[in-house]
Amino acid sequence: MSDTDKKLTVCVAGGAGFIGSHICKRLKDEGHTVVSADWKKCQYFEDSEYCDKFYLVDLRVLENQKIVLRVATGFSTWLLTWVAWVSFSLTIL
């Protein structure tokens, strides 16, 4: 199996939003295992359409981040779509 054929397990924090859910769907369509974590359910797709596992957690809460990190231990890749939200929040403080 070449590196381009290698399938990953990917956790997308903020995966239920517009950008995150479309990233998840693209990765899932390419055959990767996708885990999504967000504070709300996706309004664009059913869970099974865009991810293999969905965690309904508010990642702004430290304890929830710890839960997801425990679940994500060993994942090959993390895509953090909520980083933009954090950056925006810090600029308005």
Protein backbone atom coordinates (compact mmCIF):
# COMPACT_ATOMS: atom_id res chain seq x y z
CA MET A 1 0.00 0.00 0.00
CA SER A 2 1.47 3.34 -1.00
CA ASP A 3 1.26 6.49 1.14
CA THR A 4 -1.43 7.89 -1.17
CA ASP A 5 -3.58 4.79 -0.57
CA LYS A 6 -3.24 4.96 3.20
CA LYS A 7 -6.54 5.64 4.95
CA LEU A 8 -6.53 7.84 8.04
CA THR A 9 -8.70 8.21 11.09
CA VAL A 10 -9.43 11.93 11.34
CA CYS A 11 -11.04 13.88 14.17
CA VAL A 12 -12.56 17.20 13.11
CA ALA A 13 -13.26 19.59 15.99
CA GLY A 14 -16.09 21.86 14.92
CA GLY A 15 -17.10 19.25 12.39
CA ALA A 16 -20.83 20.02 12.40
CA GLY A 17 -20.49 23.54 11.03
CA PHE A 18 -20.61 24.40 7.35
CA ILE A 19 -16.88 24.17 6.69
CA GLY A 20 -16.21 21.33 9.12
CA SER A 21 -19.05 19.14 7.86
CA HIS A 22 -17.98 19.55 4.26
CA ILE A 23 -14.38 18.69 5.20
CA CYS A 24 -15.71 15.62 7.02
CA LYS A 25 -17.86 14.57 4.08
CA ARG A 26 -14.97 14.92 1.63
CA LEU A 27 -12.68 12.82 3.85
CA LYS A 28 -15.39 10.19 4.41
CA ASP A 29 -16.11 10.05 0.66
CA GLU A 30 -12.38 9.40 0.13
CA GLY A 31 -12.63 6.39 2.45
CA HIS A 32 -11.11 7.82 5.63
CA THR A 33 -12.63 7.16 9.05
CA VAL A 34 -14.05 10.47 10.30
CA VAL A 35 -14.90 11.47 13.87
CA SER A 36 -16.68 14.80 14.33
CA ALA A 37 -16.98 16.76 17.59
CA ASP A 38 -19.12 19.89 17.95
CA TRP A 39 -21.51 21.66 20.32
CA LYS A 40 -24.44 21.28 17.93
CA LYS A 41 -25.77 18.71 15.48
CA CYS A 42 -25.02 19.21 11.80
CA GLN A 43 -27.83 20.91 9.90
CA TYR A 44 -26.38 20.06 6.48
CA PHE A 45 -26.03 16.26 6.64
CA GLU A 46 -27.20 13.28 8.66
CA ASP A 47 -24.40 11.94 10.88
CA SER A 48 -23.88 8.84 8.74
CA GLU A 49 -23.50 10.98 5.60
CA TYR A 50 -20.50 12.98 6.80
CA CYS A 51 -18.86 11.12 9.70
CA ASP A 52 -18.44 7.68 11.22
CA LYS A 53 -18.82 8.89 14.83
CA PHE A 54 -20.23 12.15 16.19
CA TYR A 55 -19.62 13.58 19.68
CA LEU A 56 -22.03 16.27 20.85
CA VAL A 57 -19.75 18.31 23.14
CA ASP A 58 -18.99 21.98 23.69
CA LEU A 59 -15.25 22.18 23.02
CA ARG A 60 -15.04 25.56 24.77
CA VAL A 61 -15.27 23.60 28.04
CA LEU A 62 -11.93 22.17 29.15
CA GLU A 63 -13.40 18.92 30.50
CA ASN A 64 -15.04 18.24 27.13
CA GLN A 65 -11.75 18.86 25.36
CA LYS A 66 -10.16 16.26 27.64
CA ILE A 67 -12.90 13.74 26.75
CA VAL A 68 -12.37 14.24 23.04
CA LEU A 69 -8.59 14.11 23.44
CA ARG A 70 -8.91 10.78 25.25
CA VAL A 71 -11.11 9.49 22.45
CA ALA A 72 -8.75 10.89 19.82
CA THR A 73 -5.58 9.36 21.25
CA GLY A 74 -3.87 7.57 18.42
CA PHE A 75 -5.62 9.46 15.64
CA SER A 76 -3.39 10.24 12.70
CA THR A 77 -4.71 13.72 11.99
CA TRP A 78 -6.60 16.55 13.68
CA LEU A 79 -8.36 19.27 11.74
CA LEU A 80 -9.35 22.14 13.99
CA THR A 81 -11.97 24.22 12.25
CA TRP A 82 -12.83 25.99 15.49
CA VAL A 83 -9.43 27.72 15.61
CA ALA A 84 -10.90 30.55 13.51
CA TRP A 85 -13.67 31.00 16.10
CA VAL A 86 -11.12 31.19 18.93
CA SER A 87 -9.03 33.72 16.99
CA PHE A 88 -12.10 35.84 16.30
CA SER A 89 -13.19 35.67 19.95
CA LEU A 90 -9.81 36.87 21.15
CA THR A 91 -9.83 39.86 18.79
CA ILE A 92 -13.16 41.18 20.16
CA LEU A 93 -12.16 40.89 23.84
